[in-house]
Amino acid sequence: MSNKKLVPTEPHHIKLIDALIANGGNITAAAEAAEMGRPNAGNVVQRYKDYILDKVEGELLLTSIKAARVMGDTLTDDGSTPGGKLRLDAAQQVLDRIGVSKRERVDIKVEATNGLFILPRKDIEDANTET
């Protein structure tokens, strides 16, 4: 089996996936919108799961723009906005998920107490005279 992601081409499959993403993952409602049965919709979702994940990542990317704005607005907020802390936490989570705000830096410093010494080559004549 190839690693190529399947892309839906049938209109009712596309409609199902679009409805699923638009309604927040309610497969029953998405199946109704695409005019297909719930079991068949489940099979379509399994078949195109990589495609769906790509679309969800795209949605998250767009949401990250809003999250960045929330964080910027919080800097100038006087603290009177209802739910400000909750919005800030949600924005932080979105930005962390896409790798924008939380970056780990690893600095490695190695100090060797034992070193490796490379000695010059010992000539064959010197080896014969020592014995």
Protein backbone atom coordinates (compact mmCIF):
# COMPACT_ATOMS: atom_id res chain seq x y z
CA MET A 1 0.00 0.00 0.00
CA SER A 2 1.35 3.42 -0.89
CA ASN A 3 1.87 6.31 1.52
CA LYS A 4 -0.11 8.62 -0.76
CA LYS A 5 -3.01 10.31 1.02
CA LEU A 6 -6.42 9.64 -0.39
CA VAL A 7 -8.32 12.72 -1.51
CA PRO A 8 -12.09 12.47 -1.84
CA THR A 9 -13.45 13.07 -5.32
CA GLU A 10 -17.10 12.11 -4.91
CA PRO A 11 -19.28 15.14 -4.16
CA HIS A 12 -21.15 13.50 -1.27
CA HIS A 13 -17.86 12.50 0.39
CA ILE A 14 -16.58 16.07 0.11
CA LYS A 15 -19.88 17.38 1.45
CA LEU A 16 -19.69 14.96 4.40
CA ILE A 17 -16.15 16.01 5.32
CA ASP A 18 -16.91 19.72 4.97
CA ALA A 19 -20.04 19.35 7.13
CA LEU A 20 -18.11 17.32 9.70
CA ILE A 21 -15.49 20.02 10.09
CA ALA A 22 -18.05 22.85 10.04
CA ASN A 23 -20.20 21.29 12.77
CA GLY A 24 -17.32 20.41 15.07
CA GLY A 25 -17.23 16.66 14.49
CA ASN A 26 -20.87 15.59 14.74
CA ILE A 27 -20.82 12.67 12.32
CA THR A 28 -24.57 12.05 12.50
CA ALA A 29 -25.38 15.63 11.48
CA ALA A 30 -22.69 15.54 8.79
CA ALA A 31 -24.12 12.30 7.40
CA GLU A 32 -27.57 13.90 7.22
CA ALA A 33 -26.12 16.96 5.46
CA ALA A 34 -24.40 14.70 2.92
CA GLU A 35 -27.55 12.58 2.56
CA MET A 36 -25.90 9.31 3.49
CA GLY A 37 -26.35 6.74 6.23
CA ARG A 38 -24.40 6.97 9.47
CA PRO A 39 -22.48 3.66 8.98
CA ASN A 40 -21.45 4.67 5.45
CA ALA A 41 -20.34 8.07 6.77
CA GLY A 42 -18.17 6.34 9.37
CA ASN A 43 -16.47 4.34 6.63
CA VAL A 44 -15.83 7.50 4.60
CA VAL A 45 -14.29 9.20 7.64
CA GLN A 46 -11.97 6.24 8.24
CA ARG A 47 -10.98 6.10 4.58
CA TYR A 48 -10.09 9.80 4.40
CA LYS A 49 -8.79 10.31 7.93
CA ASP A 50 -5.40 11.69 6.78
CA TYR A 51 -7.16 14.15 4.48
CA ILE A 52 -9.46 15.20 7.33
CA LEU A 53 -6.50 15.68 9.67
CA ASP A 54 -4.85 17.93 7.09
CA LYS A 55 -8.01 20.03 6.86
CA VAL A 56 -8.24 20.26 10.66
CA GLU A 57 -4.62 21.40 10.84
CA GLY A 58 -5.49 24.09 8.31
CA GLU A 59 -8.39 25.21 10.51
CA LEU A 60 -6.07 25.30 13.51
CA LEU A 61 -3.61 27.39 11.55
CA LEU A 62 -6.33 29.94 10.79
CA THR A 63 -7.40 29.93 14.44
CA SER A 64 -3.82 30.66 15.44
CA ILE A 65 -4.12 34.09 13.83
CA LYS A 66 -7.04 34.86 16.14
CA ALA A 67 -5.08 33.44 19.07
CA ALA A 68 -2.15 35.72 18.37
CA ARG A 69 -4.50 38.70 18.28
CA VAL A 70 -6.04 37.67 21.63
CA MET A 71 -2.59 37.53 23.18
CA GLY A 72 -1.73 40.94 21.77
CA ASP A 73 -5.00 42.46 22.95
CA THR A 74 -4.41 41.04 26.41
CA LEU A 75 -1.25 43.11 26.70
CA THR A 76 -3.27 46.33 26.53
CA ASP A 77 -6.33 45.07 28.41
CA ASP A 78 -7.01 46.60 31.81
CA GLY A 79 -8.26 43.27 33.21
CA SER A 80 -11.94 44.15 33.03
CA THR A 81 -12.77 41.95 30.02
CA PRO A 82 -14.95 39.03 31.16
CA GLY A 83 -13.27 35.69 30.54
CA GLY A 84 -9.97 37.33 29.68
CA LYS A 85 -7.91 34.71 31.49
CA LEU A 86 -9.84 31.88 29.84
CA ARG A 87 -9.36 33.45 26.39
CA LEU A 88 -5.66 33.94 27.05
CA ASP A 89 -5.26 30.30 28.14
CA ALA A 90 -7.13 29.09 25.06
CA ALA A 91 -4.98 31.27 22.79
CA GLN A 92 -1.84 29.91 24.44
CA GLN A 93 -3.01 26.33 23.87
CA VAL A 94 -3.70 26.98 20.18
CA LEU A 95 -0.32 28.61 19.65
CA ASP A 96 1.44 25.81 21.54
CA ARG A 97 -0.26 23.20 19.35
CA ILE A 98 1.03 24.73 16.14
CA GLY A 99 4.48 25.35 17.61
CA VAL A 100 4.47 29.14 17.58
CA SER A 101 4.80 30.14 21.19
CA LYS A 102 6.34 27.25 23.04
CA ARG A 103 9.78 26.46 21.79
CA GLU A 104 12.27 24.51 23.74
CA ARG A 105 15.90 25.28 23.37
CA VAL A 106 18.46 22.69 24.20
CA ASP A 107 21.99 23.81 24.89
CA ILE A 108 24.50 21.02 25.23
CA LYS A 109 27.85 21.69 26.76
CA VAL A 110 30.26 18.81 27.11
CA GLU A 111 33.22 18.96 29.39
CA ALA A 112 35.43 15.91 29.15
CA THR A 113 37.54 15.00 32.16
CA ASN A 114 39.33 12.27 30.27
CA GLY A 115 40.78 13.16 26.94
CA LEU A 116 41.94 11.17 23.99
CA PHE A 117 45.56 11.68 23.12
CA ILE A 118 46.94 10.82 19.73
CA LEU A 119 50.61 10.00 19.95
CA PRO A 120 53.01 10.17 17.04
CA ARG A 121 53.73 6.97 15.19
CA LYS A 122 56.47 4.89 16.67
CA ASP A 123 59.05 3.92 14.08
CA ILE A 124 59.81 0.25 13.54
CA GLU A 125 63.52 0.79 14.24
CA ASP A 126 62.73 2.24 17.67
CA ALA A 127 60.60 -0.81 18.45
CA ASN A 128 63.42 -3.22 17.49
CA THR A 129 66.03 -1.46 19.63
CA GLU A 130 63.88 -1.61 22.75
CA THR A 131 63.73 -5.42 22.79
